[in-house]
Amino acid sequence: MGAYSVHSGYYSSILSQDDGGKNRSTAFLKTGVSYYFNGDEQREWFVSAAHVRGRTTGWRKDGAFLESGMRWKVARQIEARFGLGILAMPGRSVRFNPTPGISFSIPLR
């Protein structure tokens, strides 16, 4: 049986370009819940649903974020995560993005 956790963290992705065609990094704060499938102490597959809040001009909205991927424990409650996410925000097209990130998690075992 897997485990659940509540998490909060920082997520960034390249979702747009400036007028010169240069990629712009877009930052979000996210808070959500994750389910971790049976894994070992250091890495596990996960699925997650989160509320995101954009921190970059043009993206300062609330949205929903669904994600699936792998997490690696860095310290007791700190983890690095990487997966594929689906970002949905009002007034924006749905985006599929790679999801590198660092999170602080509280296990609910």
C-alpha atoms as a PDB file:
ATOM      1  CA  MET A   1       0.000   0.000   0.000  1.00  0.00           C
ATOM      2  CA  GLY A   2       1.272   3.468  -0.808  1.00  0.00           C
ATOM      3  CA  ALA A   3       1.151   6.677   1.213  1.00  0.00           C
ATOM      4  CA  TYR A   4      -0.351  10.152   0.971  1.00  0.00           C
ATOM      5  CA  SER A   5       1.270  13.498   1.671  1.00  0.00           C
ATOM      6  CA  VAL A   6       0.428  17.176   1.698  1.00  0.00           C
ATOM      7  CA  HIS A   7       3.047  19.237  -0.098  1.00  0.00           C
ATOM      8  CA  SER A   8       3.970  22.793  -0.932  1.00  0.00           C
ATOM      9  CA  GLY A   9       6.723  23.964  -3.186  1.00  0.00           C
ATOM     10  CA  TYR A  10       8.021  26.047  -6.052  1.00  0.00           C
ATOM     11  CA  TYR A  11       7.524  25.094  -9.701  1.00  0.00           C
ATOM     12  CA  SER A  12       9.030  26.817 -12.714  1.00  0.00           C
ATOM     13  CA  SER A  13       8.657  26.172 -16.423  1.00  0.00           C
ATOM     14  CA  ILE A  14       9.169  27.884 -19.761  1.00  0.00           C
ATOM     15  CA  LEU A  15       5.652  28.711 -20.951  1.00  0.00           C
ATOM     16  CA  SER A  16       6.232  31.768 -23.126  1.00  0.00           C
ATOM     17  CA  GLN A  17       8.759  33.849 -25.032  1.00  0.00           C
ATOM     18  CA  ASP A  18       9.522  37.549 -24.905  1.00  0.00           C
ATOM     19  CA  ASP A  19       9.171  39.871 -27.932  1.00  0.00           C
ATOM     20  CA  GLY A  20      12.668  38.896 -29.095  1.00  0.00           C
ATOM     21  CA  GLY A  21      11.817  35.178 -29.104  1.00  0.00           C
ATOM     22  CA  LYS A  22      13.853  34.430 -25.969  1.00  0.00           C
ATOM     23  CA  ASN A  23      12.349  31.842 -23.595  1.00  0.00           C
ATOM     24  CA  ARG A  24      10.885  33.267 -20.359  1.00  0.00           C
ATOM     25  CA  SER A  25      10.859  31.283 -17.152  1.00  0.00           C
ATOM     26  CA  THR A  26       7.501  31.282 -15.389  1.00  0.00           C
ATOM     27  CA  ALA A  27       7.321  30.641 -11.632  1.00  0.00           C
ATOM     28  CA  PHE A  28       4.525  29.203  -9.507  1.00  0.00           C
ATOM     29  CA  LEU A  29       3.924  28.403  -5.869  1.00  0.00           C
ATOM     30  CA  LYS A  30       1.991  25.163  -5.456  1.00  0.00           C
ATOM     31  CA  THR A  31       0.177  23.381  -2.649  1.00  0.00           C
ATOM     32  CA  GLY A  32      -1.493  20.025  -2.989  1.00  0.00           C
ATOM     33  CA  VAL A  33      -1.787  16.361  -2.153  1.00  0.00           C
ATOM     34  CA  SER A  34       0.206  13.436  -3.512  1.00  0.00           C
ATOM     35  CA  TYR A  35      -0.189   9.688  -3.536  1.00  0.00           C
ATOM     36  CA  TYR A  36       3.046   7.685  -3.532  1.00  0.00           C
ATOM     37  CA  PHE A  37       3.026   4.144  -4.889  1.00  0.00           C
ATOM     38  CA  ASN A  38       5.062   1.465  -3.169  1.00  0.00           C
ATOM     39  CA  GLY A  39       8.712   2.295  -3.595  1.00  0.00           C
ATOM     40  CA  ASP A  40      11.809   2.199  -1.491  1.00  0.00           C
ATOM     41  CA  GLU A  41      12.984   4.693   1.121  1.00  0.00           C
ATOM     42  CA  GLN A  42      14.749   6.925  -1.404  1.00  0.00           C
ATOM     43  CA  ARG A  43      12.458   7.052  -4.482  1.00  0.00           C
ATOM     44  CA  GLU A  44       8.822   6.474  -5.388  1.00  0.00           C
ATOM     45  CA  TRP A  45       6.378   7.017  -8.256  1.00  0.00           C
ATOM     46  CA  PHE A  46       3.638   9.540  -7.469  1.00  0.00           C
ATOM     47  CA  VAL A  47       0.477  11.226  -8.722  1.00  0.00           C
ATOM     48  CA  SER A  48      -0.523  14.620  -7.424  1.00  0.00           C
ATOM     49  CA  ALA A  49      -3.175  17.335  -7.627  1.00  0.00           C
ATOM     50  CA  ALA A  50      -2.303  20.891  -6.625  1.00  0.00           C
ATOM     51  CA  HIS A  51      -3.467  24.483  -6.523  1.00  0.00           C
ATOM     52  CA  VAL A  52      -0.927  26.790  -8.187  1.00  0.00           C
ATOM     53  CA  ARG A  53      -0.478  30.542  -8.014  1.00  0.00           C
ATOM     54  CA  GLY A  54       1.563  32.253 -10.723  1.00  0.00           C
ATOM     55  CA  ARG A  55       4.364  34.558  -9.566  1.00  0.00           C
ATOM     56  CA  THR A  56       5.413  35.905 -12.976  1.00  0.00           C
ATOM     57  CA  THR A  57       3.853  38.879 -14.803  1.00  0.00           C
ATOM     58  CA  GLY A  58       1.092  37.636 -17.100  1.00  0.00           C
ATOM     59  CA  TRP A  59       0.659  34.432 -15.097  1.00  0.00           C
ATOM     60  CA  ARG A  60      -0.470  35.864 -11.733  1.00  0.00           C
ATOM     61  CA  LYS A  61      -3.584  33.744 -11.542  1.00  0.00           C
ATOM     62  CA  ASP A  62      -4.808  30.717  -9.636  1.00  0.00           C
ATOM     63  CA  GLY A  63      -4.877  27.403 -11.455  1.00  0.00           C
ATOM     64  CA  ALA A  64      -4.973  23.630 -11.179  1.00  0.00           C
ATOM     65  CA  PHE A  65      -2.021  21.319 -11.701  1.00  0.00           C
ATOM     66  CA  LEU A  66      -2.089  17.528 -12.150  1.00  0.00           C
ATOM     67  CA  GLU A  67       1.210  15.669 -12.136  1.00  0.00           C
ATOM     68  CA  SER A  68       2.682  12.182 -12.333  1.00  0.00           C
ATOM     69  CA  GLY A  69       6.338  11.291 -11.921  1.00  0.00           C
ATOM     70  CA  MET A  70       9.124  10.176  -9.594  1.00  0.00           C
ATOM     71  CA  ARG A  71      10.352  11.673  -6.340  1.00  0.00           C
ATOM     72  CA  TRP A  72      13.715  11.282  -4.614  1.00  0.00           C
ATOM     73  CA  LYS A  73      14.194  11.998  -0.917  1.00  0.00           C
ATOM     74  CA  VAL A  74      16.888  14.601  -0.277  1.00  0.00           C
ATOM     75  CA  ALA A  75      16.326  14.881   3.489  1.00  0.00           C
ATOM     76  CA  ARG A  76      13.637  13.820   5.961  1.00  0.00           C
ATOM     77  CA  GLN A  77      10.841  16.033   4.520  1.00  0.00           C
ATOM     78  CA  ILE A  78      12.602  17.551   1.511  1.00  0.00           C
ATOM     79  CA  GLU A  79      12.299  15.904  -1.893  1.00  0.00           C
ATOM     80  CA  ALA A  80      13.249  16.472  -5.497  1.00  0.00           C
ATOM     81  CA  ARG A  81      10.481  15.636  -7.953  1.00  0.00           C
ATOM     82  CA  PHE A  82      10.391  15.162 -11.713  1.00  0.00           C
ATOM     83  CA  GLY A  83       7.455  14.207 -13.877  1.00  0.00           C
ATOM     84  CA  LEU A  84       4.918  15.384 -16.432  1.00  0.00           C
ATOM     85  CA  GLY A  85       2.308  17.934 -15.421  1.00  0.00           C
ATOM     86  CA  ILE A  86      -0.900  19.365 -16.835  1.00  0.00           C
ATOM     87  CA  LEU A  87      -1.445  23.044 -16.015  1.00  0.00           C
ATOM     88  CA  ALA A  88      -4.898  24.648 -16.384  1.00  0.00           C
ATOM     89  CA  MET A  89      -5.479  28.365 -15.718  1.00  0.00           C
ATOM     90  CA  PRO A  90      -8.334  30.729 -16.602  1.00  0.00           C
ATOM     91  CA  GLY A  91      -7.735  32.493 -19.914  1.00  0.00           C
ATOM     92  CA  ARG A  92      -4.823  30.202 -20.885  1.00  0.00           C
ATOM     93  CA  SER A  93      -4.617  27.058 -22.972  1.00  0.00           C
ATOM     94  CA  VAL A  94      -3.972  23.805 -21.119  1.00  0.00           C
ATOM     95  CA  ARG A  95      -0.222  23.118 -20.961  1.00  0.00           C
ATOM     96  CA  PHE A  96       1.672  19.828 -20.720  1.00  0.00           C
ATOM     97  CA  ASN A  97       5.064  20.445 -19.106  1.00  0.00           C
ATOM     98  CA  PRO A  98       8.057  18.681 -17.593  1.00  0.00           C
ATOM     99  CA  THR A  99       7.985  19.168 -13.827  1.00  0.00           C
ATOM    100  CA  PRO A 100      11.311  19.566 -12.070  1.00  0.00           C
ATOM    101  CA  GLY A 101      10.898  20.808  -8.522  1.00  0.00           C
ATOM    102  CA  ILE A 102      11.823  20.746  -4.871  1.00  0.00           C
ATOM    103  CA  SER A 103       9.106  20.194  -2.266  1.00  0.00           C
ATOM    104  CA  PHE A 104       8.611  20.097   1.469  1.00  0.00           C
ATOM    105  CA  SER A 105       6.257  17.209   2.319  1.00  0.00           C
ATOM    106  CA  ILE A 106       4.429  16.067   5.420  1.00  0.00           C
ATOM    107  CA  PRO A 107       3.833  12.292   5.197  1.00  0.00           C
ATOM    108  CA  LEU A 108       0.366  11.093   6.224  1.00  0.00           C
ATOM    109  CA  ARG A 109       1.070   7.389   6.769  1.00  0.00           C
END
